[in-house]
């Protein structure tokens, strides 16, 4: 960490809250804050908007995880308890057709990532031994259930229904010769082409074309997870003088452009 670590110096004892731009209230504790960037470029926040409450270790342990590195899309296959009395195996077999052609039960739910625009700066904080250590978060991602298997089921049902319809029209098997005309695109045409390439459909196509890469997943409490967690603590304890006011310091961290962030709520 070293040069990337920043600490706010501890205010003098007995200082009034108003001396630091705070409301006129008693200061009951002063906590050293360390800002480290050791994981700043690789730390992502994964949100589960359809899950209520906290998630326990091992609760959403995926059987398979994958990523598209260029676009940053993540998918995780979470096993379903098909032996549960609440599981409808008849319906599970019907929906399993969207996963395989071999009479497979729908035994997984796939979570797919959706990137959330960063309207402010987030940080992961760990509190230990009376110290608060902050690491900026690079990206915020929500994981939502993928319903692609329903599309595959619908496609198979549509294909099966077409087999029962007598098609009296024969498809052309020869490609008609066409004259190739070379034209020079105008500026307007070039702009239209550029907009097309930047369209949502084009971006979606490029996303679908990118192959998946295997992603290793390590749950809380594993040796690999603990090794990464240890990097959230700053190792440099050098006292640095903070030249910013509390308002300015927090503005740099959270990206607030509002007036006094210490206003009473």
Protein backbone atom coordinates (compact mmCIF):
# COMPACT_ATOMS: atom_id res chain seq x y z
CA UNK A 1 0.00 0.00 0.00
CA UNK A 2 2.50 2.66 1.16
CA UNK A 3 2.15 5.83 -0.91
CA UNK A 4 -1.51 5.15 -1.65
CA UNK A 5 -2.54 5.26 1.99
CA UNK A 6 -3.95 8.44 3.48
CA UNK A 7 -4.83 9.14 7.07
CA UNK A 8 -6.69 12.02 8.65
CA UNK A 9 -4.78 13.28 11.63
CA UNK A 10 -6.52 13.00 14.95
CA UNK A 11 -8.05 16.33 16.09
CA UNK A 12 -6.90 17.80 19.35
CA UNK A 13 -8.64 16.51 22.42
CA UNK A 14 -11.53 18.52 23.73
CA UNK A 15 -12.03 20.47 20.49
CA UNK A 16 -15.51 21.83 19.89
CA UNK A 17 -17.60 20.29 17.13
CA UNK A 18 -18.12 23.72 15.60
CA UNK A 19 -14.36 23.98 15.04
CA UNK A 20 -14.72 21.31 12.34
CA UNK A 21 -17.87 22.62 10.67
CA UNK A 22 -20.09 20.19 12.59
CA UNK A 23 -23.37 20.99 14.34
CA UNK A 24 -23.03 22.20 17.91
CA UNK A 25 -23.03 18.78 19.56
CA UNK A 26 -20.75 16.85 21.87
CA UNK A 27 -18.00 14.76 20.24
CA UNK A 28 -18.05 11.39 21.98
CA UNK A 29 -15.36 9.65 19.90
CA UNK A 30 -12.64 10.48 17.39
CA UNK A 31 -11.72 7.73 14.92
CA UNK A 32 -8.62 7.71 12.70
CA UNK A 33 -9.56 7.18 9.04
CA UNK A 34 -7.27 5.44 6.54
CA UNK A 35 -7.92 5.54 2.79
CA UNK A 36 -6.16 2.85 0.76
CA UNK A 37 -6.26 2.10 -2.98
CA UNK A 38 -4.70 -1.35 -2.94
CA UNK A 39 -7.92 -2.97 -4.25
CA UNK A 40 -9.55 0.15 -5.66
CA UNK A 41 -9.41 -0.98 -9.32
CA UNK A 42 -10.72 -4.48 -8.58
CA UNK A 43 -13.30 -4.00 -5.84
CA UNK A 44 -16.89 -4.46 -7.04
CA UNK A 45 -20.09 -4.22 -5.01
CA UNK A 46 -22.56 -7.02 -5.82
CA UNK A 47 -26.16 -6.27 -4.88
CA UNK A 48 -29.03 -8.75 -4.67
CA UNK A 49 -32.15 -6.53 -4.95
CA UNK A 50 -34.56 -9.46 -4.80
CA UNK A 51 -33.12 -10.80 -1.56
CA UNK A 52 -34.36 -9.40 1.72
CA UNK A 53 -32.04 -9.09 4.68
CA UNK A 54 -28.41 -10.13 4.87
CA UNK A 55 -27.00 -13.11 2.98
CA UNK A 56 -25.33 -15.75 5.12
CA UNK A 57 -22.04 -17.41 4.08
CA UNK A 58 -22.73 -20.31 1.73
CA UNK A 59 -26.34 -19.27 1.14
CA UNK A 60 -25.79 -18.29 -2.50
CA UNK A 61 -22.83 -20.50 -3.28
CA UNK A 62 -22.77 -20.96 -7.09
CA UNK A 63 -22.08 -24.28 -8.75
CA UNK A 64 -20.68 -22.40 -11.77
CA UNK A 65 -19.59 -18.79 -12.20
CA UNK A 66 -18.49 -17.11 -15.43
CA UNK A 67 -17.57 -13.68 -16.72
CA UNK A 68 -17.21 -11.78 -19.98
CA UNK A 69 -14.05 -9.79 -19.21
CA UNK A 70 -14.44 -7.14 -21.91
CA UNK A 71 -18.02 -6.20 -21.05
CA UNK A 72 -17.76 -7.16 -17.39
CA UNK A 73 -20.93 -9.28 -17.37
CA UNK A 74 -21.16 -11.95 -14.68
CA UNK A 75 -23.39 -15.01 -14.42
CA UNK A 76 -23.71 -17.42 -11.51
CA UNK A 77 -25.67 -20.68 -11.45
CA UNK A 78 -27.25 -21.17 -8.02
CA UNK A 79 -28.42 -24.77 -7.33
CA UNK A 80 -32.09 -25.32 -6.49
CA UNK A 81 -33.26 -27.89 -3.95
CA UNK A 82 -35.23 -30.22 -6.24
CA UNK A 83 -35.86 -32.59 -3.32
CA UNK A 84 -37.81 -29.97 -1.41
CA UNK A 85 -41.52 -30.81 -0.94
CA UNK A 86 -42.24 -27.31 -2.27
CA UNK A 87 -40.55 -28.08 -5.61
CA UNK A 88 -42.95 -28.97 -8.45
CA UNK A 89 -41.06 -31.62 -10.42
CA UNK A 90 -43.63 -31.78 -13.20
CA UNK A 91 -43.31 -28.06 -13.83
CA UNK A 92 -39.57 -28.28 -13.26
CA UNK A 93 -39.30 -30.85 -16.05
CA UNK A 94 -41.22 -28.61 -18.44
CA UNK A 95 -39.02 -25.62 -17.69
CA UNK A 96 -35.90 -27.77 -17.75
CA UNK A 97 -36.35 -28.02 -21.52
CA UNK A 98 -34.91 -24.52 -21.58
CA UNK A 99 -31.64 -25.88 -20.17
CA UNK A 100 -31.24 -29.15 -22.02
CA UNK A 101 -32.86 -31.56 -24.48
CA UNK A 102 -32.30 -34.54 -22.16
CA UNK A 103 -35.33 -34.33 -19.84
CA UNK A 104 -33.43 -32.27 -17.29
CA UNK A 105 -35.10 -30.72 -14.28
CA UNK A 106 -34.80 -26.99 -13.77
CA UNK A 107 -32.24 -27.45 -11.01
CA UNK A 108 -30.51 -24.05 -11.11
CA UNK A 109 -31.40 -20.39 -11.12
CA UNK A 110 -28.99 -18.20 -13.07
CA UNK A 111 -28.16 -14.76 -11.74
CA UNK A 112 -26.95 -12.27 -14.35
CA UNK A 113 -25.28 -8.95 -13.63
CA UNK A 114 -26.70 -5.53 -14.47
CA UNK A 115 -24.33 -2.59 -14.08
CA UNK A 116 -25.60 0.39 -12.08
CA UNK A 117 -24.42 3.91 -13.00
CA UNK A 118 -22.23 5.48 -10.32
CA UNK A 119 -23.93 8.70 -9.25
CA UNK A 120 -21.59 9.01 -6.29
CA UNK A 121 -18.45 7.39 -4.94
CA UNK A 122 -18.86 4.29 -2.78
CA UNK A 123 -16.28 2.85 -0.44
CA UNK A 124 -15.93 -0.40 1.49
CA UNK A 125 -15.15 0.22 5.13
CA UNK A 126 -13.70 -2.09 7.77
CA UNK A 127 -13.49 -1.10 11.41
CA UNK A 128 -10.83 -2.69 13.59
CA UNK A 129 -8.95 -1.66 16.73
CA UNK A 130 -10.62 1.74 16.77
CA UNK A 131 -9.61 2.51 13.17
CA UNK A 132 -11.73 2.90 10.04
CA UNK A 133 -10.15 1.73 6.77
CA UNK A 134 -11.81 2.77 3.48
CA UNK A 135 -11.28 1.40 -0.05
CA UNK A 136 -13.05 3.04 -3.05
CA UNK A 137 -15.40 0.71 -4.96
CA UNK A 138 -14.77 0.51 -8.71
CA UNK A 139 -18.15 -0.77 -9.93
CA UNK A 140 -21.64 -1.45 -8.60
CA UNK A 141 -23.46 -4.47 -10.02
CA UNK A 142 -26.90 -5.93 -9.34
CA UNK A 143 -27.46 -9.66 -9.78
CA UNK A 144 -30.92 -10.53 -11.04
CA UNK A 145 -32.49 -13.85 -12.15
CA UNK A 146 -32.06 -14.63 -15.84
CA UNK A 147 -35.17 -15.89 -17.66
CA UNK A 148 -33.46 -17.00 -20.86
CA UNK A 149 -34.60 -20.56 -20.25
CA UNK A 150 -38.21 -19.39 -20.77
CA UNK A 151 -37.25 -18.02 -24.18
CA UNK A 152 -35.72 -21.38 -25.12
CA UNK A 153 -38.86 -23.22 -23.99
CA UNK A 154 -41.01 -20.88 -26.10
CA UNK A 155 -38.73 -21.38 -29.12
CA UNK A 156 -39.00 -25.17 -28.83
CA UNK A 157 -42.78 -25.02 -28.55
CA UNK A 158 -42.97 -22.78 -31.62
CA UNK A 159 -40.69 -25.07 -33.61
CA UNK A 160 -42.81 -28.10 -32.65
CA UNK A 161 -46.03 -26.39 -33.73
CA UNK A 162 -44.58 -25.58 -37.15
CA UNK A 163 -43.98 -29.27 -37.81
CA UNK A 164 -47.75 -29.80 -37.80
CA UNK A 165 -48.38 -27.20 -40.50
CA UNK A 166 -48.11 -28.23 -44.15
CA UNK A 167 -45.88 -25.74 -45.84
CA UNK A 168 -46.92 -25.57 -49.51
CA UNK A 169 -44.39 -22.95 -50.45
CA UNK A 170 -40.94 -24.10 -51.47
CA UNK A 171 -37.99 -22.04 -50.36
CA UNK A 172 -35.62 -20.80 -52.97
CA UNK A 173 -32.38 -22.73 -52.84
CA UNK A 174 -30.53 -20.59 -55.32
CA UNK A 175 -29.34 -17.14 -54.56
CA UNK A 176 -30.29 -14.62 -57.20
CA UNK A 177 -27.43 -12.78 -58.76
CA UNK A 178 -27.32 -9.16 -57.73
CA UNK A 179 -25.43 -6.24 -59.14
CA UNK A 180 -22.82 -4.93 -56.77
CA UNK A 181 -22.77 -1.18 -56.72
CA UNK A 182 -19.91 0.69 -55.13
CA UNK A 183 -20.94 3.97 -53.58
CA UNK A 184 -19.20 6.63 -51.57
CA UNK A 185 -20.94 7.33 -48.29
CA UNK A 186 -21.90 10.87 -47.54
CA UNK A 187 -21.16 12.51 -44.21
CA UNK A 188 -24.78 11.94 -43.21
CA UNK A 189 -24.50 8.24 -44.05
CA UNK A 190 -21.30 7.92 -42.04
CA UNK A 191 -23.00 9.55 -39.07
CA UNK A 192 -26.00 7.23 -39.40
CA UNK A 193 -23.65 4.23 -39.48
CA UNK A 194 -21.83 5.48 -36.41
CA UNK A 195 -25.11 5.86 -34.54
CA UNK A 196 -26.10 2.35 -35.59
CA UNK A 197 -22.87 0.93 -34.21
CA UNK A 198 -23.49 2.78 -30.96
CA UNK A 199 -27.06 1.58 -30.73
CA UNK A 200 -28.28 -0.68 -27.98
CA UNK A 201 -28.88 -3.49 -30.46
CA UNK A 202 -25.31 -3.32 -31.71
CA UNK A 203 -23.89 -3.28 -28.19
CA UNK A 204 -26.10 -6.22 -27.25
CA UNK A 205 -24.85 -8.12 -30.27
CA UNK A 206 -21.23 -7.51 -29.30
CA UNK A 207 -22.00 -8.64 -25.75
CA UNK A 208 -23.57 -11.88 -26.99
CA UNK A 209 -20.61 -12.57 -29.28
CA UNK A 210 -18.04 -12.34 -26.49
CA UNK A 211 -17.25 -15.83 -25.10
CA UNK A 212 -17.58 -16.67 -21.42
CA UNK A 213 -14.55 -17.24 -19.21
CA UNK A 214 -14.61 -19.38 -16.11
CA UNK A 215 -14.73 -17.40 -12.89
CA UNK A 216 -13.46 -18.82 -9.61
CA UNK A 217 -15.71 -18.07 -6.64
CA UNK A 218 -14.45 -18.07 -3.05
CA UNK A 219 -16.98 -17.67 -0.28
CA UNK A 220 -16.53 -15.80 2.99
CA UNK A 221 -14.17 -17.55 5.38
CA UNK A 222 -12.06 -19.30 2.75
CA UNK A 223 -8.30 -18.85 2.69
CA UNK A 224 -8.48 -16.97 -0.62
CA UNK A 225 -11.23 -14.67 0.65
CA UNK A 226 -9.33 -13.88 3.85
CA UNK A 227 -6.21 -13.03 1.85
CA UNK A 228 -8.14 -10.43 -0.16
CA UNK A 229 -9.87 -9.11 2.97
CA UNK A 230 -6.52 -8.41 4.59
CA UNK A 231 -5.73 -5.97 1.76
CA UNK A 232 -8.57 -3.71 2.89
CA UNK A 233 -6.38 -2.53 5.79
CA UNK A 234 -3.80 0.21 5.30
CA UNK A 235 -0.31 -0.74 6.43
CA UNK A 236 1.07 2.79 6.47
CA UNK A 237 0.51 4.52 9.81
CA UNK A 238 2.36 7.71 8.95
CA UNK A 239 0.48 10.74 10.25
CA UNK A 240 -0.37 13.10 7.41
CA UNK A 241 -1.74 16.58 7.76
CA UNK A 242 -5.14 16.97 6.16
CA UNK A 243 -5.37 20.41 4.53
CA UNK A 244 -9.06 20.06 3.73
CA UNK A 245 -12.00 20.87 5.95
CA UNK A 246 -14.32 17.96 6.90
CA UNK A 247 -16.75 19.14 4.22
CA UNK A 248 -14.07 19.17 1.53
CA UNK A 249 -12.63 15.82 2.65
CA UNK A 250 -15.98 14.03 2.52
CA UNK A 251 -16.80 15.69 -0.79
CA UNK A 252 -13.66 14.16 -2.31
CA UNK A 253 -14.65 10.73 -0.95
CA UNK A 254 -18.38 10.64 -1.71
CA UNK A 255 -18.43 13.04 -4.66
CA UNK A 256 -21.10 15.26 -3.14
CA UNK A 257 -21.65 18.63 -4.77
CA UNK A 258 -24.40 19.62 -2.37
CA UNK A 259 -24.00 22.27 0.27
CA UNK A 260 -22.81 21.37 3.74
CA UNK A 261 -22.91 17.56 3.98
CA UNK A 262 -23.04 17.86 7.76
CA UNK A 263 -26.50 19.42 7.77
CA UNK A 264 -28.99 17.97 10.19
CA UNK A 265 -31.33 15.42 8.64
